[in-house]
Amino acid sequence: MGSVNTSATTNPTAKKRILITGATGGIGLHLSDVLADDYDIVQHGRTPKNEEQEKVLQRADLSDYDEVLALMDGVDTIVHMAGSASPESDWDSVLAANIIGLRNVLEAARESGVRRVVFASSNHAMGMYDRYEEWPVYPHQLPRGDSLYGVSKIFGEALGRFYHDEHGLDFIALRIGWMSEDPFTADEDILHAMWLSPDDCEQVVRCAIEAEVTFGLYYAVSDNPNRRWSMTNTTLELGYRPQDSWTDRSDRPEDVVEGGEDVRDDWPKNA
């Protein structure tokens, strides 16, 4: 492992410096706001979303290693949210953003002595289980990407495992479901089942930053009664206790279907 970032360790009362890549995206922007009281946040992205971000945003092309390395000064933890985020992304998009970009982030973290990377993986790394309704799904089953995007997240998890084993870099992969303020912007049972509220998103990322465990693959969804994905290790190893459920946001009763409602055959298209 590279030399340790001493600026994060010389003063034990100093806030941890957290680099959020993709801080201009929906989740990254939310985390940049809610984590700012407790951490020294470094925001990375391309196009600022507000006037405040215009002042502080660190711009870097993640496919350019030197630009990525320049982001690492004093960083304790990287919350890596950047990348091509659509399950309908084509190969060129996932290659540049999700494969080369992640490798550059991990290598720069290693060279700079960053302690931990929290990686935004996805339910789509296991999405073929969902398409064929083969539930429940456990974190350590054989990965089955439902798209090139899902495959890129499988690659990311495997690359993180290598950097952990070979270089001692902490790597926490969160298989994030569907974060939305309103779970009813979509009317599909599977999206309700994998809904992650903004507050639960904040909680699980905080847990991932602070947990004693140094490697793991963890589902990150809210406390939805129709959830099909095991979060036992998220609870036991990260200490995550989801507080929200999509059913709390609606007066209509949950339509309980034994074994789970059918998923459309072209999942995750237009998800």
C-alpha atoms as a PDB file:
ATOM      1  CA  MET A   1       0.000   0.000   0.000  1.00  0.00           C
ATOM      2  CA  GLY A   2       1.183   3.545  -0.688  1.00  0.00           C
ATOM      3  CA  SER A   3       2.205   6.126   1.891  1.00  0.00           C
ATOM      4  CA  VAL A   4      -0.511   7.046   4.367  1.00  0.00           C
ATOM      5  CA  ASN A   5      -2.345  10.357   4.022  1.00  0.00           C
ATOM      6  CA  THR A   6      -0.873  11.958   7.129  1.00  0.00           C
ATOM      7  CA  SER A   7      -3.072  15.061   7.049  1.00  0.00           C
ATOM      8  CA  ALA A   8      -6.022  12.895   8.083  1.00  0.00           C
ATOM      9  CA  THR A   9      -4.145  11.315  11.003  1.00  0.00           C
ATOM     10  CA  THR A  10      -1.943  13.989  12.617  1.00  0.00           C
ATOM     11  CA  ASN A  11      -4.937  15.610  14.329  1.00  0.00           C
ATOM     12  CA  PRO A  12      -7.178  12.927  15.867  1.00  0.00           C
ATOM     13  CA  THR A  13     -10.003  15.451  16.436  1.00  0.00           C
ATOM     14  CA  ALA A  14     -10.077  16.592  12.816  1.00  0.00           C
ATOM     15  CA  LYS A  15     -12.992  15.588  10.652  1.00  0.00           C
ATOM     16  CA  LYS A  16     -12.345  12.751   8.242  1.00  0.00           C
ATOM     17  CA  ARG A  17     -11.938  13.997   4.708  1.00  0.00           C
ATOM     18  CA  ILE A  18     -14.427  12.223   2.461  1.00  0.00           C
ATOM     19  CA  LEU A  19     -14.131  12.451  -1.309  1.00  0.00           C
ATOM     20  CA  ILE A  20     -17.519  11.974  -2.982  1.00  0.00           C
ATOM     21  CA  THR A  21     -17.073  11.219  -6.662  1.00  0.00           C
ATOM     22  CA  GLY A  22     -20.116  11.918  -8.760  1.00  0.00           C
ATOM     23  CA  ALA A  23     -21.282  14.557  -6.287  1.00  0.00           C
ATOM     24  CA  THR A  24     -23.409  16.160  -8.998  1.00  0.00           C
ATOM     25  CA  GLY A  25     -25.616  13.076  -9.354  1.00  0.00           C
ATOM     26  CA  GLY A  26     -28.769  12.475  -7.339  1.00  0.00           C
ATOM     27  CA  ILE A  27     -27.242  10.360  -4.573  1.00  0.00           C
ATOM     28  CA  GLY A  28     -23.901  12.163  -4.573  1.00  0.00           C
ATOM     29  CA  LEU A  29     -25.552  15.565  -4.250  1.00  0.00           C
ATOM     30  CA  HIS A  30     -27.712  14.317  -1.388  1.00  0.00           C
ATOM     31  CA  LEU A  31     -24.732  12.833   0.466  1.00  0.00           C
ATOM     32  CA  SER A  32     -22.639  15.969  -0.042  1.00  0.00           C
ATOM     33  CA  ASP A  33     -25.324  17.916   1.796  1.00  0.00           C
ATOM     34  CA  VAL A  34     -26.242  15.564   4.643  1.00  0.00           C
ATOM     35  CA  LEU A  35     -22.710  14.450   5.524  1.00  0.00           C
ATOM     36  CA  ALA A  36     -21.185  17.927   5.581  1.00  0.00           C
ATOM     37  CA  ASP A  37     -21.714  18.572   9.300  1.00  0.00           C
ATOM     38  CA  ASP A  38     -19.668  15.557  10.350  1.00  0.00           C
ATOM     39  CA  TYR A  39     -17.073  15.192   7.605  1.00  0.00           C
ATOM     40  CA  ASP A  40     -14.786  17.371   5.540  1.00  0.00           C
ATOM     41  CA  ILE A  41     -16.427  16.770   2.165  1.00  0.00           C
ATOM     42  CA  VAL A  42     -14.581  17.030  -1.136  1.00  0.00           C
ATOM     43  CA  GLN A  43     -17.064  17.114  -4.009  1.00  0.00           C
ATOM     44  CA  HIS A  44     -16.061  15.773  -7.409  1.00  0.00           C
ATOM     45  CA  GLY A  45     -18.028  16.064 -10.614  1.00  0.00           C
ATOM     46  CA  ARG A  46     -18.331  17.742 -13.970  1.00  0.00           C
ATOM     47  CA  THR A  47     -21.352  20.060 -14.014  1.00  0.00           C
ATOM     48  CA  PRO A  48     -22.274  21.912 -10.786  1.00  0.00           C
ATOM     49  CA  LYS A  49     -25.894  21.640  -9.746  1.00  0.00           C
ATOM     50  CA  ASN A  50     -26.100  24.838  -7.656  1.00  0.00           C
ATOM     51  CA  GLU A  51     -24.191  28.025  -6.874  1.00  0.00           C
ATOM     52  CA  GLU A  52     -22.488  26.569  -3.794  1.00  0.00           C
ATOM     53  CA  GLN A  53     -21.254  23.585  -5.742  1.00  0.00           C
ATOM     54  CA  GLU A  54     -19.927  25.895  -8.411  1.00  0.00           C
ATOM     55  CA  LYS A  55     -17.540  27.283  -5.794  1.00  0.00           C
ATOM     56  CA  VAL A  56     -16.238  23.998  -4.401  1.00  0.00           C
ATOM     57  CA  LEU A  57     -16.585  21.337  -7.087  1.00  0.00           C
ATOM     58  CA  GLN A  58     -13.375  19.517  -7.996  1.00  0.00           C
ATOM     59  CA  ARG A  59     -13.497  18.633 -11.663  1.00  0.00           C
ATOM     60  CA  ALA A  60     -11.658  15.574 -12.933  1.00  0.00           C
ATOM     61  CA  ASP A  61     -12.048  13.134 -15.783  1.00  0.00           C
ATOM     62  CA  LEU A  62     -11.962   9.751 -14.063  1.00  0.00           C
ATOM     63  CA  SER A  63     -10.477   8.150 -17.160  1.00  0.00           C
ATOM     64  CA  ASP A  64      -7.392  10.381 -16.669  1.00  0.00           C
ATOM     65  CA  TYR A  65      -5.278   8.872 -13.885  1.00  0.00           C
ATOM     66  CA  ASP A  66      -3.304  12.016 -13.091  1.00  0.00           C
ATOM     67  CA  GLU A  67      -6.499  14.029 -12.665  1.00  0.00           C
ATOM     68  CA  VAL A  68      -7.888  11.375 -10.316  1.00  0.00           C
ATOM     69  CA  LEU A  69      -4.671  11.255  -8.292  1.00  0.00           C
ATOM     70  CA  ALA A  70      -4.869  15.020  -7.768  1.00  0.00           C
ATOM     71  CA  LEU A  71      -8.157  14.552  -5.866  1.00  0.00           C
ATOM     72  CA  MET A  72      -6.634  12.409  -3.119  1.00  0.00           C
ATOM     73  CA  ASP A  73      -4.838  14.915  -0.890  1.00  0.00           C
ATOM     74  CA  GLY A  74      -5.656  14.121   2.740  1.00  0.00           C
ATOM     75  CA  VAL A  75      -8.560  11.851   1.850  1.00  0.00           C
ATOM     76  CA  ASP A  76      -9.525   9.184   4.390  1.00  0.00           C
ATOM     77  CA  THR A  77     -12.450   7.613   2.520  1.00  0.00           C
ATOM     78  CA  ILE A  78     -13.738   7.756  -1.029  1.00  0.00           C
ATOM     79  CA  VAL A  79     -17.477   7.390  -1.545  1.00  0.00           C
ATOM     80  CA  HIS A  80     -17.423   6.427  -5.205  1.00  0.00           C
ATOM     81  CA  MET A  81     -20.741   7.387  -6.767  1.00  0.00           C
ATOM     82  CA  ALA A  82     -19.462   8.481 -10.174  1.00  0.00           C
ATOM     83  CA  GLY A  83     -20.054   6.442 -13.278  1.00  0.00           C
ATOM     84  CA  SER A  84     -22.490   5.542 -15.983  1.00  0.00           C
ATOM     85  CA  ALA A  85     -25.667   4.894 -14.000  1.00  0.00           C
ATOM     86  CA  SER A  86     -28.252   3.574 -16.449  1.00  0.00           C
ATOM     87  CA  PRO A  87     -28.888  -0.165 -16.906  1.00  0.00           C
ATOM     88  CA  GLU A  88     -29.243   0.674 -20.591  1.00  0.00           C
ATOM     89  CA  SER A  89     -25.712   2.110 -20.845  1.00  0.00           C
ATOM     90  CA  ASP A  90     -23.722   0.862 -23.819  1.00  0.00           C
ATOM     91  CA  TRP A  91     -20.292  -0.748 -23.703  1.00  0.00           C
ATOM     92  CA  ASP A  92     -18.278   2.397 -24.409  1.00  0.00           C
ATOM     93  CA  SER A  93     -20.017   4.199 -21.556  1.00  0.00           C
ATOM     94  CA  VAL A  94     -19.450   1.517 -18.932  1.00  0.00           C
ATOM     95  CA  LEU A  95     -15.897   0.864 -20.118  1.00  0.00           C
ATOM     96  CA  ALA A  96     -14.775   4.463 -19.655  1.00  0.00           C
ATOM     97  CA  ALA A  97     -16.771   5.401 -16.568  1.00  0.00           C
ATOM     98  CA  ASN A  98     -17.303   2.194 -14.621  1.00  0.00           C
ATOM     99  CA  ILE A  99     -14.262   0.094 -15.439  1.00  0.00           C
ATOM    100  CA  ILE A 100     -11.349   2.377 -16.331  1.00  0.00           C
ATOM    101  CA  GLY A 101     -12.654   5.101 -14.014  1.00  0.00           C
ATOM    102  CA  LEU A 102     -12.965   2.761 -11.043  1.00  0.00           C
ATOM    103  CA  ARG A 103      -9.534   1.267 -11.643  1.00  0.00           C
ATOM    104  CA  ASN A 104      -8.070   4.772 -11.605  1.00  0.00           C
ATOM    105  CA  VAL A 105      -9.874   5.603  -8.357  1.00  0.00           C
ATOM    106  CA  LEU A 106      -8.641   2.442  -6.647  1.00  0.00           C
ATOM    107  CA  GLU A 107      -5.085   2.824  -7.890  1.00  0.00           C
ATOM    108  CA  ALA A 108      -4.973   6.480  -6.856  1.00  0.00           C
ATOM    109  CA  ALA A 109      -6.367   5.487  -3.459  1.00  0.00           C
ATOM    110  CA  ARG A 110      -3.641   2.862  -3.092  1.00  0.00           C
ATOM    111  CA  GLU A 111      -0.864   5.214  -4.151  1.00  0.00           C
ATOM    112  CA  SER A 112      -2.093   7.979  -1.839  1.00  0.00           C
ATOM    113  CA  GLY A 113      -2.697   5.861   1.259  1.00  0.00           C
ATOM    114  CA  VAL A 114      -6.456   6.330   1.342  1.00  0.00           C
ATOM    115  CA  ARG A 115      -7.954   4.086   4.026  1.00  0.00           C
ATOM    116  CA  ARG A 116     -11.272   3.035   2.495  1.00  0.00           C
ATOM    117  CA  VAL A 117     -13.394   3.058  -0.652  1.00  0.00           C
ATOM    118  CA  VAL A 118     -17.175   2.832  -0.389  1.00  0.00           C
ATOM    119  CA  PHE A 119     -18.308   1.663  -3.816  1.00  0.00           C
ATOM    120  CA  ALA A 120     -21.747   2.301  -5.281  1.00  0.00           C
ATOM    121  CA  SER A 121     -22.530  -1.112  -6.674  1.00  0.00           C
ATOM    122  CA  SER A 122     -26.062  -2.014  -7.709  1.00  0.00           C
ATOM    123  CA  ASN A 123     -28.847  -4.552  -7.501  1.00  0.00           C
ATOM    124  CA  HIS A 124     -28.250  -4.938 -11.246  1.00  0.00           C
ATOM    125  CA  ALA A 125     -25.127  -6.980 -10.463  1.00  0.00           C
ATOM    126  CA  MET A 126     -27.620  -9.700  -9.496  1.00  0.00           C
ATOM    127  CA  GLY A 127     -30.488  -8.577 -11.698  1.00  0.00           C
ATOM    128  CA  MET A 128     -31.017 -11.800 -13.635  1.00  0.00           C
ATOM    129  CA  TYR A 129     -32.249 -13.391 -10.421  1.00  0.00           C
ATOM    130  CA  ASP A 130     -34.882 -10.660 -10.383  1.00  0.00           C
ATOM    131  CA  ARG A 131     -35.803 -11.045 -14.051  1.00  0.00           C
ATOM    132  CA  TYR A 132     -36.439 -14.748 -13.541  1.00  0.00           C
ATOM    133  CA  GLU A 133     -37.973 -14.283 -10.070  1.00  0.00           C
ATOM    134  CA  GLU A 134     -35.412 -16.554  -8.410  1.00  0.00           C
ATOM    135  CA  TRP A 135     -35.717 -15.175  -4.899  1.00  0.00           C
ATOM    136  CA  PRO A 136     -34.492 -14.683  -2.244  1.00  0.00           C
ATOM    137  CA  VAL A 137     -31.140 -13.294  -3.334  1.00  0.00           C
ATOM    138  CA  TYR A 138     -28.139 -13.399  -0.997  1.00  0.00           C
ATOM    139  CA  PRO A 139     -25.048 -11.180  -1.255  1.00  0.00           C
ATOM    140  CA  HIS A 140     -22.584 -13.993  -1.945  1.00  0.00           C
ATOM    141  CA  GLN A 141     -24.501 -15.901  -4.596  1.00  0.00           C
ATOM    142  CA  LEU A 142     -22.918 -16.127  -8.033  1.00  0.00           C
ATOM    143  CA  PRO A 143     -23.253 -12.675  -9.658  1.00  0.00           C
ATOM    144  CA  ARG A 144     -25.728 -12.465 -12.571  1.00  0.00           C
ATOM    145  CA  GLY A 145     -25.695  -9.061 -14.223  1.00  0.00           C
ATOM    146  CA  ASP A 146     -28.835  -8.092 -16.102  1.00  0.00           C
ATOM    147  CA  SER A 147     -27.077  -5.572 -18.370  1.00  0.00           C
ATOM    148  CA  LEU A 148     -23.653  -4.310 -19.317  1.00  0.00           C
ATOM    149  CA  TYR A 149     -24.124  -1.838 -16.491  1.00  0.00           C
ATOM    150  CA  GLY A 150     -24.698  -4.735 -14.089  1.00  0.00           C
ATOM    151  CA  VAL A 151     -21.659  -6.540 -15.466  1.00  0.00           C
ATOM    152  CA  SER A 152     -19.541  -3.420 -14.880  1.00  0.00           C
ATOM    153  CA  LYS A 153     -20.626  -3.435 -11.240  1.00  0.00           C
ATOM    154  CA  ILE A 154     -19.613  -7.100 -10.934  1.00  0.00           C
ATOM    155  CA  PHE A 155     -16.215  -6.109 -12.308  1.00  0.00           C
ATOM    156  CA  GLY A 156     -16.032  -3.285  -9.778  1.00  0.00           C
ATOM    157  CA  GLU A 157     -16.723  -5.636  -6.883  1.00  0.00           C
ATOM    158  CA  ALA A 158     -14.068  -8.069  -8.122  1.00  0.00           C
ATOM    159  CA  LEU A 159     -11.513  -5.313  -8.620  1.00  0.00           C
ATOM    160  CA  GLY A 160     -12.218  -4.016  -5.139  1.00  0.00           C
ATOM    161  CA  ARG A 161     -11.676  -7.503  -3.743  1.00  0.00           C
ATOM    162  CA  PHE A 162      -8.278  -7.603  -5.472  1.00  0.00           C
ATOM    163  CA  TYR A 163      -7.219  -4.213  -4.107  1.00  0.00           C
ATOM    164  CA  HIS A 164      -8.291  -5.318  -0.638  1.00  0.00           C
ATOM    165  CA  ASP A 165      -6.450  -8.641  -0.795  1.00  0.00           C
ATOM    166  CA  GLU A 166      -3.362  -7.415  -2.618  1.00  0.00           C
ATOM    167  CA  HIS A 167      -2.931  -3.936  -1.153  1.00  0.00           C
ATOM    168  CA  GLY A 168      -4.932  -3.868   2.080  1.00  0.00           C
ATOM    169  CA  LEU A 169      -7.369  -1.207   0.886  1.00  0.00           C
ATOM    170  CA  ASP A 170     -10.704  -1.284   2.713  1.00  0.00           C
ATOM    171  CA  PHE A 171     -13.492  -1.845   0.187  1.00  0.00           C
ATOM    172  CA  ILE A 172     -17.191  -1.748   1.042  1.00  0.00           C
ATOM    173  CA  ALA A 173     -19.558  -2.380  -1.875  1.00  0.00           C
ATOM    174  CA  LEU A 174     -23.152  -1.238  -1.418  1.00  0.00           C
ATOM    175  CA  ARG A 175     -25.611  -2.848  -3.805  1.00  0.00           C
ATOM    176  CA  ILE A 176     -27.857   0.170  -3.848  1.00  0.00           C
ATOM    177  CA  GLY A 177     -31.464  -0.299  -4.822  1.00  0.00           C
ATOM    178  CA  TRP A 178     -33.556   2.582  -6.137  1.00  0.00           C
ATOM    179  CA  MET A 179     -33.179   5.858  -4.273  1.00  0.00           C
ATOM    180  CA  SER A 180     -35.998   8.315  -4.718  1.00  0.00           C
ATOM    181  CA  GLU A 181     -37.702  10.860  -2.491  1.00  0.00           C
ATOM    182  CA  ASP A 182     -41.052   9.497  -3.658  1.00  0.00           C
ATOM    183  CA  PRO A 183     -41.386   5.735  -4.184  1.00  0.00           C
ATOM    184  CA  PHE A 184     -44.480   6.316  -6.289  1.00  0.00           C
ATOM    185  CA  THR A 185     -42.707   8.015  -9.167  1.00  0.00           C
ATOM    186  CA  ALA A 186     -42.698   4.439 -10.494  1.00  0.00           C
ATOM    187  CA  ASP A 187     -45.498   1.912 -10.222  1.00  0.00           C
ATOM    188  CA  GLU A 188     -43.611  -1.373 -10.396  1.00  0.00           C
ATOM    189  CA  ASP A 189     -43.633  -3.764  -7.470  1.00  0.00           C
ATOM    190  CA  ILE A 190     -39.949  -4.621  -7.884  1.00  0.00           C
ATOM    191  CA  LEU A 191     -38.966  -0.942  -7.703  1.00  0.00           C
ATOM    192  CA  HIS A 192     -41.039  -0.473  -4.572  1.00  0.00           C
ATOM    193  CA  ALA A 193     -39.346  -3.554  -3.122  1.00  0.00           C
ATOM    194  CA  MET A 194     -35.860  -2.150  -3.780  1.00  0.00           C
ATOM    195  CA  TRP A 195     -36.700   1.445  -2.795  1.00  0.00           C
ATOM    196  CA  LEU A 196     -34.065   3.227  -0.699  1.00  0.00           C
ATOM    197  CA  SER A 197     -35.203   6.387   1.045  1.00  0.00           C
ATOM    198  CA  PRO A 198     -32.843   9.375   1.213  1.00  0.00           C
ATOM    199  CA  ASP A 199     -32.584   9.051   5.001  1.00  0.00           C
ATOM    200  CA  ASP A 200     -31.781   5.335   4.819  1.00  0.00           C
ATOM    201  CA  CYS A 201     -29.265   6.070   2.072  1.00  0.00           C
ATOM    202  CA  GLU A 202     -27.500   8.515   4.361  1.00  0.00           C
ATOM    203  CA  GLN A 203     -27.512   6.002   7.203  1.00  0.00           C
ATOM    204  CA  VAL A 204     -26.089   3.087   5.208  1.00  0.00           C
ATOM    205  CA  VAL A 205     -23.305   5.233   3.734  1.00  0.00           C
ATOM    206  CA  ARG A 206     -22.379   6.512   7.192  1.00  0.00           C
ATOM    207  CA  CYS A 207     -22.265   2.897   8.373  1.00  0.00           C
ATOM    208  CA  ALA A 208     -20.063   1.958   5.422  1.00  0.00           C
ATOM    209  CA  ILE A 209     -17.632   4.767   6.207  1.00  0.00           C
ATOM    210  CA  GLU A 210     -17.324   3.903   9.900  1.00  0.00           C
ATOM    211  CA  ALA A 211     -17.785   0.113  10.187  1.00  0.00           C
ATOM    212  CA  GLU A 212     -14.914  -1.981  11.511  1.00  0.00           C
ATOM    213  CA  VAL A 213     -15.279  -4.583   8.744  1.00  0.00           C
ATOM    214  CA  THR A 214     -12.769  -3.966   5.951  1.00  0.00           C
ATOM    215  CA  PHE A 215     -14.385  -5.749   3.015  1.00  0.00           C
ATOM    216  CA  GLY A 216     -17.875  -6.808   2.044  1.00  0.00           C
ATOM    217  CA  LEU A 217     -20.771  -6.861  -0.414  1.00  0.00           C
ATOM    218  CA  TYR A 218     -23.955  -5.434   1.068  1.00  0.00           C
ATOM    219  CA  TYR A 219     -27.476  -4.831  -0.160  1.00  0.00           C
ATOM    220  CA  ALA A 220     -28.742  -1.333   0.622  1.00  0.00           C
ATOM    221  CA  VAL A 221     -32.505  -0.904   0.482  1.00  0.00           C
ATOM    222  CA  SER A 222     -35.130   0.343   2.912  1.00  0.00           C
ATOM    223  CA  ASP A 223     -37.272  -1.745   5.237  1.00  0.00           C
ATOM    224  CA  ASN A 224     -39.742  -2.716   2.535  1.00  0.00           C
ATOM    225  CA  PRO A 225     -42.045  -5.641   3.388  1.00  0.00           C
ATOM    226  CA  ASN A 226     -41.762  -7.093  -0.123  1.00  0.00           C
ATOM    227  CA  ARG A 227     -37.951  -6.980  -0.162  1.00  0.00           C
ATOM    228  CA  ARG A 228     -36.399 -10.028  -1.862  1.00  0.00           C
ATOM    229  CA  TRP A 229     -32.719  -9.385  -1.062  1.00  0.00           C
ATOM    230  CA  SER A 230     -30.981 -10.421   2.126  1.00  0.00           C
ATOM    231  CA  MET A 231     -29.573  -7.637   4.282  1.00  0.00           C
ATOM    232  CA  THR A 232     -28.497  -9.811   7.188  1.00  0.00           C
ATOM    233  CA  ASN A 233     -24.820  -8.998   6.701  1.00  0.00           C
ATOM    234  CA  THR A 234     -25.637  -5.297   6.173  1.00  0.00           C
ATOM    235  CA  THR A 235     -27.315  -5.336   9.563  1.00  0.00           C
ATOM    236  CA  LEU A 236     -24.750  -7.425  11.443  1.00  0.00           C
ATOM    237  CA  GLU A 237     -21.512  -6.151   9.896  1.00  0.00           C
ATOM    238  CA  LEU A 238     -22.330  -2.524   9.064  1.00  0.00           C
ATOM    239  CA  GLY A 239     -24.893  -1.863  11.774  1.00  0.00           C
ATOM    240  CA  TYR A 240     -27.493  -0.581   9.287  1.00  0.00           C
ATOM    241  CA  ARG A 241     -31.052  -0.322  10.629  1.00  0.00           C
ATOM    242  CA  PRO A 242     -33.391   0.980   7.910  1.00  0.00           C
ATOM    243  CA  GLN A 243     -36.153   3.208   9.226  1.00  0.00           C
ATOM    244  CA  ASP A 244     -38.358   3.738   6.173  1.00  0.00           C
ATOM    245  CA  SER A 245     -40.686   1.636   4.043  1.00  0.00           C
ATOM    246  CA  TRP A 246     -42.553   2.513   0.863  1.00  0.00           C
ATOM    247  CA  THR A 247     -45.761   1.316   2.552  1.00  0.00           C
ATOM    248  CA  ASP A 248     -45.443   4.153   5.078  1.00  0.00           C
ATOM    249  CA  ARG A 249     -45.854   6.633   2.237  1.00  0.00           C
ATOM    250  CA  SER A 250     -49.187   5.282   1.011  1.00  0.00           C
ATOM    251  CA  ASP A 251     -52.698   4.620   2.267  1.00  0.00           C
ATOM    252  CA  ARG A 252     -53.157   1.717  -0.096  1.00  0.00           C
ATOM    253  CA  PRO A 253     -52.445  -1.738   1.325  1.00  0.00           C
ATOM    254  CA  GLU A 254     -49.596  -3.859   0.071  1.00  0.00           C
ATOM    255  CA  ASP A 255     -50.761  -6.470  -2.431  1.00  0.00           C
ATOM    256  CA  VAL A 256     -49.068  -9.550  -1.022  1.00  0.00           C
ATOM    257  CA  VAL A 257     -48.200 -12.110  -3.699  1.00  0.00           C
ATOM    258  CA  GLU A 258     -46.717 -15.392  -2.521  1.00  0.00           C
ATOM    259  CA  GLY A 259     -43.227 -15.699  -3.956  1.00  0.00           C
ATOM    260  CA  GLY A 260     -43.271 -12.088  -5.194  1.00  0.00           C
ATOM    261  CA  GLU A 261     -45.027 -10.404  -8.091  1.00  0.00           C
ATOM    262  CA  ASP A 262     -43.980 -11.301 -11.616  1.00  0.00           C
ATOM    263  CA  VAL A 263     -41.230  -9.189 -13.163  1.00  0.00           C
ATOM    264  CA  ARG A 264     -41.564  -8.171 -16.787  1.00  0.00           C
ATOM    265  CA  ASP A 265     -39.509 -10.172 -19.259  1.00  0.00           C
ATOM    266  CA  ASP A 266     -37.492  -7.167 -20.465  1.00  0.00           C
ATOM    267  CA  TRP A 267     -36.319  -6.110 -16.992  1.00  0.00           C
ATOM    268  CA  PRO A 268     -34.450  -3.773 -16.428  1.00  0.00           C
ATOM    269  CA  LYS A 269     -35.331  -1.887 -19.623  1.00  0.00           C
ATOM    270  CA  ASN A 270     -36.845   1.515 -18.762  1.00  0.00           C
ATOM    271  CA  ALA A 271     -36.325   0.779 -15.073  1.00  0.00           C
END
